[in-house]
Amino acid sequence: MNWKMIVLWVLRVAVAALFLFAGFSKLTGQPMMIDTFDKVGVGQWFRYVTGFLEVAGGVAVLVPAVSVWAACLLLIVDVGAFLAQVAILHEDWIHTIVIGAVLAAVISLQSGRLAPDRS
């Protein structure tokens, strides 16, 4: 196993842990998450959708065959979180940029999986 694969697996596990934790906190109705989504103003159904996407992406990022697509999904969720933080919540948004950079690294390390098979 080369260094690239080791770094990729470390990043995959870190991303999975982060999004599984965040997703479960949304799906289990933690008061902080309920308050946050109340402030966003879209409704609590959006908390469930976001939590489901985070849990599904957190699991899928650990599966090599779909890991790059899961990282793309999670990056879209992260961009949404960034926009909500900046435009509506006016809270800490730096963490969304760091998470986005880590997701971009996961995608970049697997960039060959995004290209169509030309064989």
N, C-alpha and C. Protein backbone atom coordinates (compact mmCIF):
# COMPACT_ATOMS: atom_id res chain seq x y z
N MET A 1 0.86 -1.18 0.00
CA MET A 1 0.00 0.00 0.00
C MET A 1 0.90 1.24 0.00
N ASN A 2 0.64 2.13 -0.95
CA ASN A 2 1.48 3.31 -1.05
C ASN A 2 0.92 4.45 -0.18
N TRP A 3 1.66 5.53 -0.10
CA TRP A 3 1.28 6.65 0.78
C TRP A 3 -0.04 7.28 0.35
N LYS A 4 -0.30 7.32 -0.97
CA LYS A 4 -1.54 7.92 -1.47
C LYS A 4 -2.76 7.15 -0.94
N MET A 5 -2.68 5.84 -0.95
CA MET A 5 -3.80 5.03 -0.46
C MET A 5 -3.97 5.18 1.05
N ILE A 6 -2.87 5.29 1.78
CA ILE A 6 -2.95 5.48 3.23
C ILE A 6 -3.62 6.82 3.55
N VAL A 7 -3.18 7.88 2.87
CA VAL A 7 -3.78 9.20 3.08
C VAL A 7 -5.26 9.17 2.71
N LEU A 8 -5.58 8.53 1.60
CA LEU A 8 -6.97 8.44 1.16
C LEU A 8 -7.84 7.75 2.20
N TRP A 9 -7.36 6.64 2.76
CA TRP A 9 -8.15 5.92 3.77
C TRP A 9 -8.28 6.72 5.06
N VAL A 10 -7.24 7.41 5.46
CA VAL A 10 -7.33 8.25 6.66
C VAL A 10 -8.38 9.34 6.45
N LEU A 11 -8.36 9.97 5.27
CA LEU A 11 -9.34 11.02 4.98
C LEU A 11 -10.75 10.44 4.89
N ARG A 12 -10.89 9.28 4.26
CA ARG A 12 -12.21 8.64 4.17
C ARG A 12 -12.79 8.36 5.55
N VAL A 13 -11.98 7.80 6.43
CA VAL A 13 -12.45 7.47 7.78
C VAL A 13 -12.81 8.74 8.54
N ALA A 14 -11.99 9.77 8.42
CA ALA A 14 -12.28 11.04 9.12
C ALA A 14 -13.57 11.66 8.61
N VAL A 15 -13.76 11.69 7.30
CA VAL A 15 -14.97 12.24 6.70
C VAL A 15 -16.18 11.42 7.12
N ALA A 16 -16.05 10.10 7.08
CA ALA A 16 -17.16 9.23 7.46
C ALA A 16 -17.57 9.49 8.91
N ALA A 17 -16.59 9.54 9.80
CA ALA A 17 -16.90 9.77 11.22
C ALA A 17 -17.59 11.12 11.42
N LEU A 18 -17.08 12.14 10.78
CA LEU A 18 -17.65 13.48 10.91
C LEU A 18 -19.10 13.53 10.43
N PHE A 19 -19.35 13.00 9.23
CA PHE A 19 -20.69 13.09 8.67
C PHE A 19 -21.66 12.11 9.33
N LEU A 20 -21.18 10.96 9.79
CA LEU A 20 -22.06 10.05 10.52
C LEU A 20 -22.50 10.70 11.84
N PHE A 21 -21.58 11.32 12.54
CA PHE A 21 -21.92 12.01 13.78
C PHE A 21 -22.92 13.14 13.51
N ALA A 22 -22.63 13.97 12.51
CA ALA A 22 -23.52 15.09 12.19
C ALA A 22 -24.89 14.60 11.73
N GLY A 23 -24.90 13.58 10.91
CA GLY A 23 -26.17 13.06 10.41
C GLY A 23 -27.02 12.45 11.50
N PHE A 24 -26.40 11.67 12.37
CA PHE A 24 -27.16 11.07 13.47
C PHE A 24 -27.69 12.13 14.44
N SER A 25 -26.93 13.21 14.64
CA SER A 25 -27.42 14.26 15.53
C SER A 25 -28.64 14.95 14.93
N LYS A 26 -28.68 15.04 13.61
CA LYS A 26 -29.87 15.62 12.97
C LYS A 26 -31.04 14.65 13.02
N LEU A 27 -30.79 13.39 12.71
CA LEU A 27 -31.87 12.40 12.65
C LEU A 27 -32.46 12.07 14.02
N THR A 28 -31.66 12.19 15.08
CA THR A 28 -32.16 11.89 16.42
C THR A 28 -32.77 13.11 17.10
N GLY A 29 -32.81 14.23 16.41
CA GLY A 29 -33.50 15.41 16.93
C GLY A 29 -32.80 16.09 18.09
N GLN A 30 -31.49 16.20 18.00
CA GLN A 30 -30.75 16.94 19.03
C GLN A 30 -31.24 18.39 19.05
N PRO A 31 -31.46 18.95 20.25
CA PRO A 31 -32.01 20.32 20.34
C PRO A 31 -31.24 21.37 19.54
N MET A 32 -29.93 21.26 19.51
CA MET A 32 -29.13 22.23 18.75
C MET A 32 -29.47 22.16 17.25
N MET A 33 -29.66 20.95 16.75
CA MET A 33 -30.00 20.79 15.33
C MET A 33 -31.41 21.30 15.03
N ILE A 34 -32.33 21.04 15.93
CA ILE A 34 -33.70 21.54 15.75
C ILE A 34 -33.69 23.07 15.71
N ASP A 35 -32.97 23.69 16.63
CA ASP A 35 -32.88 25.16 16.67
C ASP A 35 -32.23 25.71 15.40
N THR A 36 -31.17 25.05 14.94
CA THR A 36 -30.47 25.52 13.74
C THR A 36 -31.40 25.49 12.54
N PHE A 37 -32.12 24.39 12.37
CA PHE A 37 -33.00 24.29 11.21
C PHE A 37 -34.24 25.17 11.35
N ASP A 38 -34.63 25.49 12.58
CA ASP A 38 -35.68 26.50 12.79
C ASP A 38 -35.21 27.86 12.28
N LYS A 39 -33.95 28.20 12.57
CA LYS A 39 -33.40 29.48 12.12
C LYS A 39 -33.31 29.55 10.59
N VAL A 40 -32.99 28.40 9.98
CA VAL A 40 -32.88 28.38 8.52
C VAL A 40 -34.24 28.67 7.89
N GLY A 41 -35.30 28.17 8.52
CA GLY A 41 -36.65 28.53 8.10
C GLY A 41 -37.26 27.68 6.99
N VAL A 42 -36.62 26.58 6.63
CA VAL A 42 -37.17 25.73 5.58
C VAL A 42 -38.12 24.68 6.14
N GLY A 43 -37.93 24.32 7.38
CA GLY A 43 -38.76 23.31 8.02
C GLY A 43 -37.91 22.15 8.51
N GLN A 44 -38.48 21.40 9.44
CA GLN A 44 -37.73 20.29 10.03
C GLN A 44 -37.57 19.12 9.06
N TRP A 45 -38.40 19.03 8.03
CA TRP A 45 -38.23 17.98 7.03
C TRP A 45 -36.85 18.09 6.39
N PHE A 46 -36.34 19.32 6.26
CA PHE A 46 -35.02 19.52 5.65
C PHE A 46 -33.91 18.99 6.55
N ARG A 47 -34.13 19.03 7.86
CA ARG A 47 -33.17 18.45 8.81
C ARG A 47 -33.06 16.94 8.56
N TYR A 48 -34.21 16.30 8.35
CA TYR A 48 -34.20 14.86 8.09
C TYR A 48 -33.53 14.52 6.76
N VAL A 49 -33.81 15.31 5.73
CA VAL A 49 -33.17 15.08 4.43
C VAL A 49 -31.66 15.25 4.54
N THR A 50 -31.25 16.33 5.18
CA THR A 50 -29.82 16.58 5.35
C THR A 50 -29.16 15.48 6.17
N GLY A 51 -29.80 15.07 7.26
CA GLY A 51 -29.26 14.00 8.09
C GLY A 51 -29.14 12.70 7.32
N PHE A 52 -30.16 12.37 6.52
CA PHE A 52 -30.10 11.16 5.71
C PHE A 52 -28.96 11.22 4.71
N LEU A 53 -28.80 12.36 4.02
CA LEU A 53 -27.71 12.50 3.05
C LEU A 53 -26.35 12.38 3.73
N GLU A 54 -26.22 12.94 4.93
CA GLU A 54 -24.95 12.86 5.65
C GLU A 54 -24.64 11.43 6.08
N VAL A 55 -25.64 10.71 6.58
CA VAL A 55 -25.41 9.32 7.00
C VAL A 55 -25.11 8.44 5.78
N ALA A 56 -25.91 8.59 4.73
CA ALA A 56 -25.69 7.79 3.52
C ALA A 56 -24.31 8.08 2.92
N GLY A 57 -23.95 9.36 2.84
CA GLY A 57 -22.64 9.72 2.31
C GLY A 57 -21.51 9.27 3.20
N GLY A 58 -21.71 9.34 4.52
CA GLY A 58 -20.69 8.90 5.47
C GLY A 58 -20.40 7.41 5.36
N VAL A 59 -21.43 6.63 5.11
CA VAL A 59 -21.23 5.19 4.92
C VAL A 59 -20.62 4.92 3.55
N ALA A 60 -21.18 5.55 2.52
CA ALA A 60 -20.73 5.29 1.14
C ALA A 60 -19.29 5.73 0.88
N VAL A 61 -18.82 6.74 1.58
CA VAL A 61 -17.44 7.20 1.35
C VAL A 61 -16.42 6.13 1.77
N LEU A 62 -16.86 5.16 2.56
CA LEU A 62 -15.98 4.06 2.97
C LEU A 62 -15.98 2.90 1.98
N VAL A 63 -16.85 2.95 1.00
CA VAL A 63 -16.94 1.89 -0.01
C VAL A 63 -16.16 2.35 -1.25
N PRO A 64 -15.01 1.73 -1.53
CA PRO A 64 -14.15 2.23 -2.61
C PRO A 64 -14.85 2.40 -3.96
N ALA A 65 -15.78 1.54 -4.30
CA ALA A 65 -16.44 1.62 -5.61
C ALA A 65 -17.28 2.89 -5.78
N VAL A 66 -17.79 3.44 -4.69
CA VAL A 66 -18.65 4.63 -4.78
C VAL A 66 -18.11 5.80 -3.95
N SER A 67 -16.93 5.66 -3.42
CA SER A 67 -16.37 6.67 -2.52
C SER A 67 -16.27 8.04 -3.15
N VAL A 68 -15.85 8.12 -4.38
CA VAL A 68 -15.70 9.42 -5.03
C VAL A 68 -17.06 10.09 -5.21
N TRP A 69 -18.08 9.32 -5.54
CA TRP A 69 -19.43 9.88 -5.70
C TRP A 69 -20.01 10.31 -4.37
N ALA A 70 -19.73 9.54 -3.32
CA ALA A 70 -20.18 9.92 -1.98
C ALA A 70 -19.51 11.22 -1.55
N ALA A 71 -18.22 11.36 -1.85
CA ALA A 71 -17.51 12.59 -1.51
C ALA A 71 -18.10 13.78 -2.27
N CYS A 72 -18.51 13.57 -3.52
CA CYS A 72 -19.16 14.64 -4.30
C CYS A 72 -20.49 15.03 -3.66
N LEU A 73 -21.27 14.03 -3.25
CA LEU A 73 -22.54 14.30 -2.56
C LEU A 73 -22.31 15.10 -1.28
N LEU A 74 -21.34 14.66 -0.49
CA LEU A 74 -21.06 15.35 0.77
C LEU A 74 -20.53 16.76 0.53
N LEU A 75 -19.81 16.95 -0.55
CA LEU A 75 -19.33 18.29 -0.88
C LEU A 75 -20.51 19.21 -1.21
N ILE A 76 -21.52 18.70 -1.88
CA ILE A 76 -22.72 19.49 -2.17
C ILE A 76 -23.43 19.85 -0.86
N VAL A 77 -23.54 18.88 0.05
CA VAL A 77 -24.14 19.15 1.36
C VAL A 77 -23.33 20.21 2.10
N ASP A 78 -22.01 20.11 2.02
CA ASP A 78 -21.13 21.06 2.69
C ASP A 78 -21.28 22.47 2.10
N VAL A 79 -21.42 22.57 0.81
CA VAL A 79 -21.63 23.88 0.17
C VAL A 79 -22.94 24.48 0.67
N GLY A 80 -23.97 23.65 0.78
CA GLY A 80 -25.24 24.13 1.33
C GLY A 80 -25.09 24.63 2.76
N ALA A 81 -24.31 23.90 3.56
CA ALA A 81 -24.06 24.33 4.94
C ALA A 81 -23.31 25.65 4.97
N PHE A 82 -22.34 25.81 4.08
CA PHE A 82 -21.59 27.06 4.00
C PHE A 82 -22.53 28.23 3.67
N LEU A 83 -23.38 28.02 2.67
CA LEU A 83 -24.30 29.09 2.28
C LEU A 83 -25.26 29.43 3.41
N ALA A 84 -25.75 28.42 4.12
CA ALA A 84 -26.65 28.67 5.26
C ALA A 84 -25.92 29.44 6.36
N GLN A 85 -24.67 29.06 6.62
CA GLN A 85 -23.89 29.73 7.67
C GLN A 85 -23.66 31.20 7.32
N VAL A 86 -23.30 31.45 6.09
CA VAL A 86 -22.97 32.83 5.68
C VAL A 86 -24.22 33.69 5.52
N ALA A 87 -25.23 33.16 4.86
CA ALA A 87 -26.38 33.98 4.49
C ALA A 87 -27.46 34.08 5.58
N ILE A 88 -27.63 33.03 6.37
CA ILE A 88 -28.76 33.00 7.30
C ILE A 88 -28.33 32.95 8.76
N LEU A 89 -27.45 32.00 9.08
CA LEU A 89 -27.12 31.75 10.48
C LEU A 89 -26.10 32.74 11.04
N HIS A 90 -25.21 33.23 10.20
CA HIS A 90 -24.16 34.17 10.60
C HIS A 90 -23.34 33.62 11.76
N GLU A 91 -22.98 32.35 11.63
CA GLU A 91 -22.15 31.69 12.64
C GLU A 91 -20.83 31.28 12.00
N ASP A 92 -20.08 30.45 12.69
CA ASP A 92 -18.78 29.98 12.21
C ASP A 92 -18.93 29.24 10.88
N TRP A 93 -18.28 29.73 9.84
CA TRP A 93 -18.33 29.08 8.54
C TRP A 93 -16.98 28.52 8.11
N ILE A 94 -15.95 28.79 8.89
CA ILE A 94 -14.61 28.32 8.54
C ILE A 94 -14.57 26.79 8.47
N HIS A 95 -15.27 26.13 9.40
CA HIS A 95 -15.23 24.66 9.41
C HIS A 95 -15.80 24.08 8.12
N THR A 96 -16.77 24.76 7.49
CA THR A 96 -17.31 24.24 6.24
C THR A 96 -16.27 24.32 5.12
N ILE A 97 -15.42 25.32 5.17
CA ILE A 97 -14.36 25.44 4.17
C ILE A 97 -13.32 24.34 4.38
N VAL A 98 -12.95 24.09 5.63
CA VAL A 98 -11.98 23.02 5.92
C VAL A 98 -12.53 21.67 5.49
N ILE A 99 -13.79 21.40 5.83
CA ILE A 99 -14.41 20.14 5.43
C ILE A 99 -14.47 20.04 3.91
N GLY A 100 -14.82 21.13 3.25
CA GLY A 100 -14.83 21.14 1.79
C GLY A 100 -13.47 20.85 1.20
N ALA A 101 -12.42 21.38 1.81
CA ALA A 101 -11.06 21.12 1.33
C ALA A 101 -10.69 19.64 1.50
N VAL A 102 -11.08 19.05 2.62
CA VAL A 102 -10.81 17.63 2.85
C VAL A 102 -11.59 16.79 1.82
N LEU A 103 -12.85 17.14 1.58
CA LEU A 103 -13.63 16.41 0.58
C LEU A 103 -13.03 16.57 -0.81
N ALA A 104 -12.55 17.76 -1.12
CA ALA A 104 -11.89 17.98 -2.42
C ALA A 104 -10.64 17.12 -2.53
N ALA A 105 -9.91 16.94 -1.43
CA ALA A 105 -8.73 16.07 -1.44
C ALA A 105 -9.14 14.62 -1.68
N VAL A 106 -10.21 14.18 -1.04
CA VAL A 106 -10.70 12.80 -1.25
C VAL A 106 -11.09 12.62 -2.72
N ILE A 107 -11.77 13.59 -3.29
CA ILE A 107 -12.16 13.51 -4.69
C ILE A 107 -10.93 13.51 -5.59
N SER A 108 -9.99 14.39 -5.30
CA SER A 108 -8.78 14.50 -6.11
C SER A 108 -7.94 13.24 -6.08
N LEU A 109 -7.82 12.63 -4.91
CA LEU A 109 -7.03 11.40 -4.80
C LEU A 109 -7.66 10.23 -5.55
N GLN A 110 -8.94 10.38 -5.89
CA GLN A 110 -9.63 9.33 -6.63
C GLN A 110 -10.07 9.83 -8.01
N SER A 111 -9.43 10.86 -8.52
CA SER A 111 -9.90 11.53 -9.73
C SER A 111 -10.06 10.60 -10.92
N GLY A 112 -9.31 9.53 -10.99
CA GLY A 112 -9.44 8.59 -12.08
C GLY A 112 -10.78 7.89 -12.09
N ARG A 113 -11.45 7.83 -10.96
CA ARG A 113 -12.76 7.16 -10.89
C ARG A 113 -13.88 7.99 -11.47
N LEU A 114 -13.66 9.29 -11.64
CA LEU A 114 -14.69 10.15 -12.22
C LEU A 114 -14.68 10.13 -13.74
N ALA A 115 -13.54 9.79 -14.33
CA ALA A 115 -13.41 9.79 -15.78
C ALA A 115 -14.14 8.58 -16.37
N PRO A 116 -14.77 8.76 -17.53
CA PRO A 116 -15.43 7.62 -18.15
C PRO A 116 -14.44 6.57 -18.61
N ASP A 117 -14.85 5.33 -18.58
CA ASP A 117 -13.99 4.22 -19.00
C ASP A 117 -13.95 4.20 -20.52
N ARG A 118 -12.77 4.34 -21.10
CA ARG A 118 -12.63 4.40 -22.57
C ARG A 118 -12.01 3.14 -23.14
N SER A 119 -12.23 2.04 -22.50
CA SER A 119 -11.64 0.80 -23.02
C SER A 119 -12.52 0.12 -24.03
